[in-house]
C-alpha cells in the first residue's frame, strides 16, 4: 500500500518511499530523522557534486522526479536552489529531460546567385 507523505513548514516531499498516516493536525510535524534526510539532500544539491546527490537520492530511495515535485530547499525548488548556490552541475542533473520551448523569429535567408 502506497501512501503519499505531504510535508509542510518549508520542506515538502511527495514520495511513496516514506509511509505515514497523519491526521490534518499532524501535517505541520516532521520527524527529526526525516527532516535530517531532507536537509542532507538539500546539502547534496548545493554541493555541486553530482555523485553526492545521486548517492543521497539512492540512499533514500528517491528519484530526481520525486524531489523536483515536492522538495523545497529554503523555499526554492531543488533546481532553483542549485542555481542560487552556483551548483550548475547539479542544476543540469536536476533539469535533465525537460524541454525548453522558445519562440524563434523567422529571419529570411538571402541567397545570392553568382553569374
N, C-alpha and C. Protein backbone atom coordinates (compact mmCIF):
# COMPACT_ATOMS: atom_id res chain seq x y z
N UNK A 1 0.85 -1.17 0.00
CA UNK A 1 0.00 0.00 0.00
C UNK A 1 0.89 1.22 0.00
N UNK A 2 0.67 2.08 -0.94
CA UNK A 2 1.49 3.28 -1.06
C UNK A 2 0.69 4.49 -0.60
N UNK A 3 1.27 5.21 0.29
CA UNK A 3 0.67 6.47 0.74
C UNK A 3 1.61 7.59 0.37
N UNK A 4 1.08 8.75 0.29
CA UNK A 4 1.89 9.91 -0.07
C UNK A 4 2.09 10.77 1.18
N UNK A 5 3.32 11.08 1.43
CA UNK A 5 3.64 11.92 2.57
C UNK A 5 3.70 13.37 2.12
N UNK A 6 2.91 14.19 2.72
CA UNK A 6 2.89 15.60 2.38
C UNK A 6 3.53 16.36 3.53
N UNK A 7 4.58 17.05 3.26
CA UNK A 7 5.29 17.79 4.29
C UNK A 7 5.10 19.28 4.06
N UNK A 8 4.99 20.00 5.15
CA UNK A 8 4.91 21.45 5.06
C UNK A 8 6.04 22.04 5.88
N UNK A 9 5.96 23.29 6.21
CA UNK A 9 6.97 24.00 7.01
C UNK A 9 8.29 24.11 6.28
N UNK A 10 8.23 24.48 5.00
CA UNK A 10 9.47 24.73 4.26
C UNK A 10 9.99 23.56 3.49
N UNK A 11 9.76 22.34 3.96
CA UNK A 11 10.22 21.15 3.27
C UNK A 11 9.01 20.31 2.91
N UNK A 12 8.84 20.04 1.62
CA UNK A 12 7.71 19.22 1.22
C UNK A 12 8.22 18.14 0.29
N UNK A 13 7.73 16.94 0.48
CA UNK A 13 8.19 15.83 -0.34
C UNK A 13 7.04 14.89 -0.57
N UNK A 14 6.78 14.58 -1.85
CA UNK A 14 5.74 13.62 -2.17
C UNK A 14 6.44 12.37 -2.67
N UNK A 15 6.36 11.30 -1.93
CA UNK A 15 7.05 10.08 -2.32
C UNK A 15 6.40 8.90 -1.63
N UNK A 16 6.41 7.78 -2.28
CA UNK A 16 5.90 6.57 -1.66
C UNK A 16 6.96 5.89 -0.82
N UNK A 17 8.16 6.43 -0.80
CA UNK A 17 9.24 5.85 -0.01
C UNK A 17 9.02 6.05 1.48
N UNK A 18 8.37 7.14 1.85
CA UNK A 18 8.10 7.41 3.24
C UNK A 18 6.60 7.20 3.47
N UNK A 19 6.27 6.25 4.31
CA UNK A 19 4.87 5.91 4.53
C UNK A 19 4.42 6.49 5.86
N UNK A 20 3.33 7.20 5.78
CA UNK A 20 2.79 7.77 7.01
C UNK A 20 1.29 7.90 6.88
N UNK A 21 0.65 7.90 8.01
CA UNK A 21 -0.77 8.19 8.05
C UNK A 21 -0.95 9.23 9.14
N UNK A 22 -1.21 10.44 8.72
CA UNK A 22 -1.30 11.55 9.67
C UNK A 22 -2.64 12.23 9.50
N UNK A 23 -3.14 12.71 10.60
CA UNK A 23 -4.37 13.50 10.52
C UNK A 23 -3.99 14.91 10.09
N UNK A 24 -4.99 15.74 9.82
CA UNK A 24 -4.71 17.09 9.34
C UNK A 24 -3.97 17.91 10.38
N UNK A 25 -4.18 17.64 11.66
CA UNK A 25 -3.48 18.40 12.68
C UNK A 25 -2.00 18.01 12.77
N UNK A 26 -1.62 16.86 12.25
CA UNK A 26 -0.23 16.39 12.30
C UNK A 26 0.57 16.81 11.06
N UNK A 27 -0.04 17.50 10.10
CA UNK A 27 0.67 17.86 8.87
C UNK A 27 1.83 18.81 9.10
N UNK A 28 1.81 19.57 10.18
CA UNK A 28 2.89 20.51 10.44
C UNK A 28 4.10 19.85 11.09
N UNK A 29 3.97 18.63 11.53
CA UNK A 29 5.05 17.94 12.22
C UNK A 29 5.88 17.12 11.25
N UNK A 30 7.20 17.29 11.33
CA UNK A 30 8.14 16.48 10.56
C UNK A 30 9.04 15.80 11.57
N UNK A 31 9.16 14.49 11.46
CA UNK A 31 10.03 13.78 12.39
C UNK A 31 11.47 14.25 12.20
N UNK A 32 12.23 14.31 13.26
CA UNK A 32 13.62 14.78 13.16
C UNK A 32 14.47 13.95 12.21
N UNK A 33 14.24 12.65 12.16
CA UNK A 33 15.04 11.81 11.25
C UNK A 33 14.72 12.09 9.79
N UNK A 34 13.43 12.31 9.49
CA UNK A 34 13.03 12.63 8.12
C UNK A 34 13.55 14.01 7.72
N UNK A 35 13.47 14.97 8.64
CA UNK A 35 13.98 16.30 8.35
C UNK A 35 15.48 16.26 8.08
N UNK A 36 16.21 15.46 8.85
CA UNK A 36 17.66 15.34 8.65
C UNK A 36 17.98 14.77 7.27
N UNK A 37 17.19 13.78 6.82
CA UNK A 37 17.39 13.20 5.49
C UNK A 37 17.14 14.23 4.39
N UNK A 38 16.09 15.01 4.55
CA UNK A 38 15.76 16.02 3.55
C UNK A 38 16.79 17.14 3.52
N UNK A 39 17.30 17.51 4.67
CA UNK A 39 18.34 18.54 4.73
C UNK A 39 19.60 18.04 4.04
N UNK A 40 19.93 16.76 4.23
CA UNK A 40 21.12 16.19 3.57
C UNK A 40 20.95 16.20 2.06
N UNK A 41 19.74 15.97 1.58
CA UNK A 41 19.51 16.03 0.14
C UNK A 41 19.70 17.46 -0.36
N UNK A 42 19.20 18.44 0.39
CA UNK A 42 19.40 19.84 0.01
C UNK A 42 20.88 20.22 0.03
N UNK A 43 21.61 19.71 1.02
CA UNK A 43 23.05 19.96 1.07
C UNK A 43 23.76 19.32 -0.11
N UNK A 44 23.31 18.15 -0.51
CA UNK A 44 23.90 17.48 -1.67
C UNK A 44 23.61 18.27 -2.95
N UNK A 45 22.42 18.85 -3.05
CA UNK A 45 22.09 19.68 -4.21
C UNK A 45 23.01 20.89 -4.24
N UNK A 46 23.28 21.48 -3.10
CA UNK A 46 24.10 22.67 -3.01
C UNK A 46 25.59 22.37 -3.24
N UNK A 47 26.01 21.12 -3.06
CA UNK A 47 27.43 20.78 -3.12
C UNK A 47 28.04 20.86 -4.51
N UNK A 48 27.22 20.80 -5.56
CA UNK A 48 27.67 20.77 -6.95
C UNK A 48 28.49 19.53 -7.25
N UNK A 49 28.23 18.46 -6.53
CA UNK A 49 28.86 17.16 -6.79
C UNK A 49 27.75 16.19 -7.16
N UNK A 50 27.71 15.84 -8.43
CA UNK A 50 26.62 15.01 -8.93
C UNK A 50 26.59 13.65 -8.25
N UNK A 51 27.75 13.07 -7.99
CA UNK A 51 27.81 11.76 -7.35
C UNK A 51 27.23 11.82 -5.95
N UNK A 52 27.54 12.88 -5.21
CA UNK A 52 26.99 13.03 -3.86
C UNK A 52 25.47 13.12 -3.90
N UNK A 53 24.95 13.87 -4.85
CA UNK A 53 23.50 13.99 -4.99
C UNK A 53 22.88 12.64 -5.38
N UNK A 54 23.48 11.96 -6.32
CA UNK A 54 22.97 10.67 -6.76
C UNK A 54 22.95 9.65 -5.61
N UNK A 55 24.04 9.60 -4.84
CA UNK A 55 24.11 8.65 -3.72
C UNK A 55 23.13 9.02 -2.63
N UNK A 56 22.91 10.29 -2.41
CA UNK A 56 21.94 10.74 -1.42
C UNK A 56 20.52 10.34 -1.82
N UNK A 57 20.21 10.50 -3.10
CA UNK A 57 18.89 10.09 -3.58
C UNK A 57 18.73 8.58 -3.50
N UNK A 58 19.76 7.86 -3.88
CA UNK A 58 19.70 6.40 -3.87
C UNK A 58 19.55 5.86 -2.45
N UNK A 59 20.27 6.45 -1.49
CA UNK A 59 20.20 6.02 -0.10
C UNK A 59 18.80 6.21 0.48
N UNK A 60 18.08 7.22 0.00
CA UNK A 60 16.74 7.50 0.50
C UNK A 60 15.64 6.96 -0.42
N UNK A 61 16.05 6.20 -1.43
CA UNK A 61 15.11 5.57 -2.38
C UNK A 61 14.21 6.60 -3.06
N UNK A 62 14.84 7.68 -3.51
CA UNK A 62 14.10 8.73 -4.20
C UNK A 62 14.66 8.91 -5.60
N UNK A 63 13.87 9.51 -6.45
CA UNK A 63 14.32 9.80 -7.81
C UNK A 63 14.38 11.32 -7.98
N UNK A 64 14.98 11.73 -9.07
CA UNK A 64 15.05 13.15 -9.39
C UNK A 64 13.64 13.70 -9.54
N UNK A 65 12.76 12.93 -10.13
CA UNK A 65 11.37 13.35 -10.31
C UNK A 65 10.69 13.60 -8.96
N UNK A 66 10.96 12.71 -7.98
CA UNK A 66 10.35 12.88 -6.66
C UNK A 66 10.74 14.20 -6.02
N UNK A 67 12.03 14.52 -6.03
CA UNK A 67 12.44 15.75 -5.35
C UNK A 67 12.06 16.98 -6.15
N UNK A 68 11.99 16.87 -7.48
CA UNK A 68 11.55 18.01 -8.27
C UNK A 68 10.08 18.32 -8.03
N UNK A 69 9.30 17.30 -7.73
CA UNK A 69 7.87 17.50 -7.50
C UNK A 69 7.56 18.12 -6.15
N UNK A 70 8.34 17.78 -5.10
CA UNK A 70 7.87 18.20 -3.80
C UNK A 70 8.88 18.77 -2.84
N UNK A 71 10.16 18.59 -3.05
CA UNK A 71 11.14 19.07 -2.09
C UNK A 71 11.34 20.58 -2.23
N UNK A 72 11.39 21.26 -1.12
CA UNK A 72 11.68 22.70 -1.10
C UNK A 72 12.89 22.90 -0.21
N UNK A 73 13.91 23.52 -0.77
CA UNK A 73 15.13 23.85 -0.02
C UNK A 73 15.15 25.36 0.17
N UNK A 74 14.98 25.81 1.40
CA UNK A 74 14.88 27.24 1.72
C UNK A 74 13.80 27.92 0.88
N UNK A 75 12.70 27.23 0.66
CA UNK A 75 11.58 27.79 -0.08
C UNK A 75 11.72 27.76 -1.59
N UNK A 76 12.79 27.16 -2.11
CA UNK A 76 13.01 27.10 -3.55
C UNK A 76 12.95 25.66 -4.02
N UNK A 77 12.68 25.49 -5.30
CA UNK A 77 12.75 24.16 -5.88
C UNK A 77 14.21 23.72 -5.89
N UNK A 78 14.50 22.41 -5.95
CA UNK A 78 15.90 21.97 -5.97
C UNK A 78 16.71 22.59 -7.11
N UNK A 79 16.09 22.74 -8.28
CA UNK A 79 16.80 23.34 -9.41
C UNK A 79 17.17 24.80 -9.13
N UNK A 80 16.21 25.58 -8.65
CA UNK A 80 16.48 26.98 -8.33
C UNK A 80 17.47 27.12 -7.18
N UNK A 81 17.38 26.21 -6.22
CA UNK A 81 18.32 26.21 -5.09
C UNK A 81 19.74 25.96 -5.58
N UNK A 82 19.90 25.01 -6.51
CA UNK A 82 21.23 24.74 -7.07
C UNK A 82 21.74 25.94 -7.85
N UNK A 83 20.88 26.58 -8.62
CA UNK A 83 21.30 27.75 -9.39
C UNK A 83 21.67 28.91 -8.46
N UNK A 84 20.94 29.09 -7.37
CA UNK A 84 21.23 30.15 -6.41
C UNK A 84 22.62 29.98 -5.81
N UNK A 85 23.00 28.72 -5.57
CA UNK A 85 24.29 28.43 -4.93
C UNK A 85 25.37 28.06 -5.95
N UNK A 86 25.12 28.40 -7.22
CA UNK A 86 26.07 28.19 -8.31
C UNK A 86 26.53 26.74 -8.43
N UNK A 87 25.60 25.82 -8.20
CA UNK A 87 25.86 24.39 -8.35
C UNK A 87 25.32 23.97 -9.72
N UNK A 88 26.00 24.40 -10.76
CA UNK A 88 25.49 24.23 -12.12
C UNK A 88 25.48 22.76 -12.57
N UNK A 89 26.42 21.96 -12.09
CA UNK A 89 26.44 20.54 -12.44
C UNK A 89 25.18 19.85 -11.93
N UNK A 90 24.83 20.11 -10.69
CA UNK A 90 23.63 19.50 -10.13
C UNK A 90 22.36 20.11 -10.73
N UNK A 91 22.41 21.38 -11.08
CA UNK A 91 21.25 22.00 -11.73
C UNK A 91 20.97 21.32 -13.06
N UNK A 92 22.03 21.04 -13.83
CA UNK A 92 21.84 20.32 -15.10
C UNK A 92 21.31 18.92 -14.85
N UNK A 93 21.82 18.25 -13.81
CA UNK A 93 21.36 16.90 -13.46
C UNK A 93 19.88 16.91 -13.09
N UNK A 94 19.45 17.92 -12.33
CA UNK A 94 18.05 18.02 -11.92
C UNK A 94 17.14 18.43 -13.06
N UNK A 95 17.67 19.11 -14.04
CA UNK A 95 16.87 19.64 -15.15
C UNK A 95 16.87 18.72 -16.36
N UNK A 96 17.52 17.58 -16.28
CA UNK A 96 17.60 16.70 -17.45
C UNK A 96 16.22 16.19 -17.83
N UNK A 97 16.02 16.03 -19.10
CA UNK A 97 14.76 15.52 -19.59
C UNK A 97 13.68 16.57 -19.77
N UNK A 98 13.94 17.78 -19.38
CA UNK A 98 12.96 18.85 -19.56
C UNK A 98 13.24 19.55 -20.88
N UNK A 99 12.20 19.94 -21.52
CA UNK A 99 12.33 20.61 -22.80
C UNK A 99 11.96 22.06 -22.63
N UNK A 100 12.78 22.92 -23.16
CA UNK A 100 12.50 24.34 -23.11
C UNK A 100 12.04 24.77 -24.49
N UNK A 101 10.91 25.43 -24.55
CA UNK A 101 10.36 25.87 -25.83
C UNK A 101 10.59 27.37 -25.94
N UNK A 102 11.25 27.77 -27.02
CA UNK A 102 11.50 29.18 -27.26
C UNK A 102 10.93 29.56 -28.61
N UNK A 103 10.41 30.75 -28.69
CA UNK A 103 9.94 31.25 -29.97
C UNK A 103 11.15 31.75 -30.76
N UNK A 104 11.25 31.29 -31.96
CA UNK A 104 12.34 31.73 -32.82
C UNK A 104 11.73 32.56 -33.94
N UNK A 105 12.18 33.79 -34.02
CA UNK A 105 11.66 34.69 -35.04
C UNK A 105 12.15 34.25 -36.42
N UNK A 106 11.28 34.33 -37.36
CA UNK A 106 11.64 33.96 -38.73
C UNK A 106 12.54 35.04 -39.31
N UNK A 107 13.66 34.61 -39.82
CA UNK A 107 14.58 35.53 -40.47
C UNK A 107 14.80 35.05 -41.89
N UNK A 108 14.42 35.87 -42.86
CA UNK A 108 14.57 35.41 -44.25
C UNK A 108 16.05 35.23 -44.61
N UNK A 109 16.29 34.22 -45.39
CA UNK A 109 17.64 33.92 -45.81
C UNK A 109 17.87 34.56 -47.17
N UNK A 110 18.93 35.34 -47.29
CA UNK A 110 19.21 35.96 -48.58
C UNK A 110 20.16 35.04 -49.37
N UNK A 111 19.75 34.78 -50.57
CA UNK A 111 20.52 33.92 -51.45
C UNK A 111 21.08 34.77 -52.58
N UNK A 112 22.37 34.67 -52.79
CA UNK A 112 22.99 35.39 -53.91
C UNK A 112 23.40 34.38 -54.94
N UNK A 113 23.07 34.67 -56.15
CA UNK A 113 23.39 33.77 -57.27
C UNK A 113 24.58 34.36 -58.01
N UNK A 114 25.61 33.57 -58.12
CA UNK A 114 26.82 34.03 -58.84
C UNK A 114 26.62 33.80 -60.32
N UNK A 115 26.98 34.81 -61.14
CA UNK A 115 26.83 34.69 -62.60
C UNK A 115 27.97 33.97 -63.20
